[in-house]
C-alpha atoms as a PDB file:
ATOM      1  CA  MET A   1       0.163  -0.005  -0.016  1.00  0.00           C
ATOM      2  CA  ASN A   2       1.391   3.431  -1.023  1.00  0.00           C
ATOM      3  CA  ASP A   3       1.764   6.361   1.120  1.00  0.00           C
ATOM      4  CA  ILE A   4      -1.248   8.139  -0.331  1.00  0.00           C
ATOM      5  CA  ASN A   5      -3.551   5.248   0.463  1.00  0.00           C
ATOM      6  CA  GLN A   6      -2.263   5.151   4.022  1.00  0.00           C
ATOM      7  CA  ILE A   7      -2.849   8.855   4.426  1.00  0.00           C
ATOM      8  CA  ILE A   8      -6.474   8.515   3.065  1.00  0.00           C
ATOM      9  CA  LEU A   9      -7.143   5.696   5.533  1.00  0.00           C
ATOM     10  CA  GLU A  10      -5.763   7.742   8.410  1.00  0.00           C
ATOM     11  CA  GLN A  11      -7.900  10.774   7.339  1.00  0.00           C
ATOM     12  CA  LEU A  12     -11.093   8.351   7.190  1.00  0.00           C
ATOM     13  CA  ARG A  13     -10.574   7.183  10.795  1.00  0.00           C
ATOM     14  CA  SER A  14     -12.304  10.251  12.105  1.00  0.00           C
ATOM     15  CA  GLY A  15     -15.160   9.960   9.889  1.00  0.00           C
ATOM     16  CA  GLY A  16     -16.491  10.100   6.331  1.00  0.00           C
ATOM     17  CA  LYS A  17     -15.058  12.825   4.095  1.00  0.00           C
ATOM     18  CA  THR A  18     -15.689  14.068   0.549  1.00  0.00           C
ATOM     19  CA  ALA A  19     -13.027  13.936  -2.328  1.00  0.00           C
ATOM     20  CA  GLY A  20     -12.402  17.546  -1.759  1.00  0.00           C
ATOM     21  CA  GLU A  21     -11.700  17.146   1.880  1.00  0.00           C
ATOM     22  CA  LEU A  22      -9.340  14.386   1.304  1.00  0.00           C
ATOM     23  CA  LYS A  23      -7.643  16.210  -1.582  1.00  0.00           C
ATOM     24  CA  ASP A  24      -6.960  19.366   0.675  1.00  0.00           C
ATOM     25  CA  GLY A  25      -5.244  17.045   3.218  1.00  0.00           C
ATOM     26  CA  LEU A  26      -3.032  15.308   0.577  1.00  0.00           C
ATOM     27  CA  GLU A  27      -2.218  18.171  -1.512  1.00  0.00           C
ATOM     28  CA  CYS A  28      -2.380  16.261  -4.508  1.00  0.00           C
ATOM     29  CA  SER A  29      -4.223  16.339  -8.033  1.00  0.00           C
ATOM     30  CA  TYR A  30      -7.818  14.768  -8.413  1.00  0.00           C
ATOM     31  CA  SER A  31      -6.446  12.177 -10.792  1.00  0.00           C
ATOM     32  CA  VAL A  32      -3.792  10.959  -8.176  1.00  0.00           C
ATOM     33  CA  LEU A  33      -6.608  10.977  -5.596  1.00  0.00           C
ATOM     34  CA  ASP A  34      -9.204   9.118  -7.942  1.00  0.00           C
ATOM     35  CA  ARG A  35      -6.683   6.386  -8.556  1.00  0.00           C
ATOM     36  CA  ALA A  36      -6.106   5.844  -4.787  1.00  0.00           C
ATOM     37  CA  LEU A  37      -9.567   5.770  -3.960  1.00  0.00           C
ATOM     38  CA  ARG A  38     -10.310   3.279  -6.555  1.00  0.00           C
ATOM     39  CA  GLU A  39      -7.673   1.117  -5.222  1.00  0.00           C
ATOM     40  CA  LEU A  40      -9.071   1.331  -1.871  1.00  0.00           C
ATOM     41  CA  ILE A  41     -12.484   0.522  -2.955  1.00  0.00           C
ATOM     42  CA  GLU A  42     -11.404  -2.546  -4.836  1.00  0.00           C
ATOM     43  CA  ALA A  43      -9.286  -3.681  -1.760  1.00  0.00           C
ATOM     44  CA  SER A  44     -12.609  -3.375   0.218  1.00  0.00           C
ATOM     45  CA  GLU A  45     -10.953  -0.917   2.580  1.00  0.00           C
ATOM     46  CA  ILE A  46     -13.204   2.016   2.175  1.00  0.00           C
ATOM     47  CA  GLU A  47     -16.884   2.400   0.800  1.00  0.00           C
ATOM     48  CA  PRO A  48     -18.250   5.245  -1.199  1.00  0.00           C
ATOM     49  CA  GLY A  49     -21.629   6.879  -0.148  1.00  0.00           C
ATOM     50  CA  TRP A  50     -23.815   9.822  -0.623  1.00  0.00           C
ATOM     51  CA  SER A  51     -24.359  12.672   1.858  1.00  0.00           C
ATOM     52  CA  ASN A  52     -27.978  13.167   3.249  1.00  0.00           C
ATOM     53  CA  ASP A  53     -28.725  16.799   2.236  1.00  0.00           C
ATOM     54  CA  ASP A  54     -30.154  18.893  -0.587  1.00  0.00           C
ATOM     55  CA  CYS A  55     -26.951  18.817  -2.633  1.00  0.00           C
ATOM     56  CA  PRO A  56     -25.686  15.361  -2.403  1.00  0.00           C
ATOM     57  CA  VAL A  57     -22.097  14.678  -2.569  1.00  0.00           C
ATOM     58  CA  ARG A  58     -19.762  11.539  -2.626  1.00  0.00           C
ATOM     59  CA  ILE A  59     -18.826  10.759   0.935  1.00  0.00           C
ATOM     60  CA  TYR A  60     -15.854   7.911   1.479  1.00  0.00           C
ATOM     61  CA  GLN A  61     -15.613   6.033   4.653  1.00  0.00           C
ATOM     62  CA  LEU A  62     -13.914   3.160   6.150  1.00  0.00           C
ATOM     63  CA  LYS A  63     -15.534  -0.244   5.377  1.00  0.00           C
ATOM     64  CA  ARG A  64     -16.520  -2.171   8.484  1.00  0.00           C
ATOM     65  CA  LYS A  65     -14.978  -5.596   8.639  1.00  0.00           C
ATOM     66  CA  GLN A  66     -17.098  -8.369   9.651  1.00  0.00           C
ATOM     67  CA  GLY A  67     -16.331  -9.845  12.966  1.00  0.00           C
ATOM     68  CA  ALA A  68     -14.533  -6.526  14.229  1.00  0.00           C
ATOM     69  CA  ILE A  69     -14.893  -5.886  17.879  1.00  0.00           C
ATOM     70  CA  PRO A  70     -14.578  -2.392  19.306  1.00  0.00           C
ATOM     71  CA  PHE A  71     -11.384  -2.352  21.513  1.00  0.00           C
ATOM     72  CA  TRP A  72     -13.579  -1.317  24.592  1.00  0.00           C
ATOM     73  CA  ILE A  73     -15.592  -4.411  24.825  1.00  0.00           C
ATOM     74  CA  ASN A  74     -13.855  -6.958  27.183  1.00  0.00           C
ATOM     75  CA  GLN A  75     -14.622 -10.559  26.718  1.00  0.00           C
END
């Protein structure tokens, strides 16, 4: 996984973000960002969605892994 993909994953840990928000944090071109997002979607690391407002935009978020248990749950 390259550095850009790793930075995207780190940014998404705090919640969903638009491509513009991700681009601002990376300071790269949209073509580089688009390629990285496609790689992460194909690897099932992130999932695209839509915002729930009057002007919908694409929101990217981390994909939940099945079987993942939050760290605060003790068994």
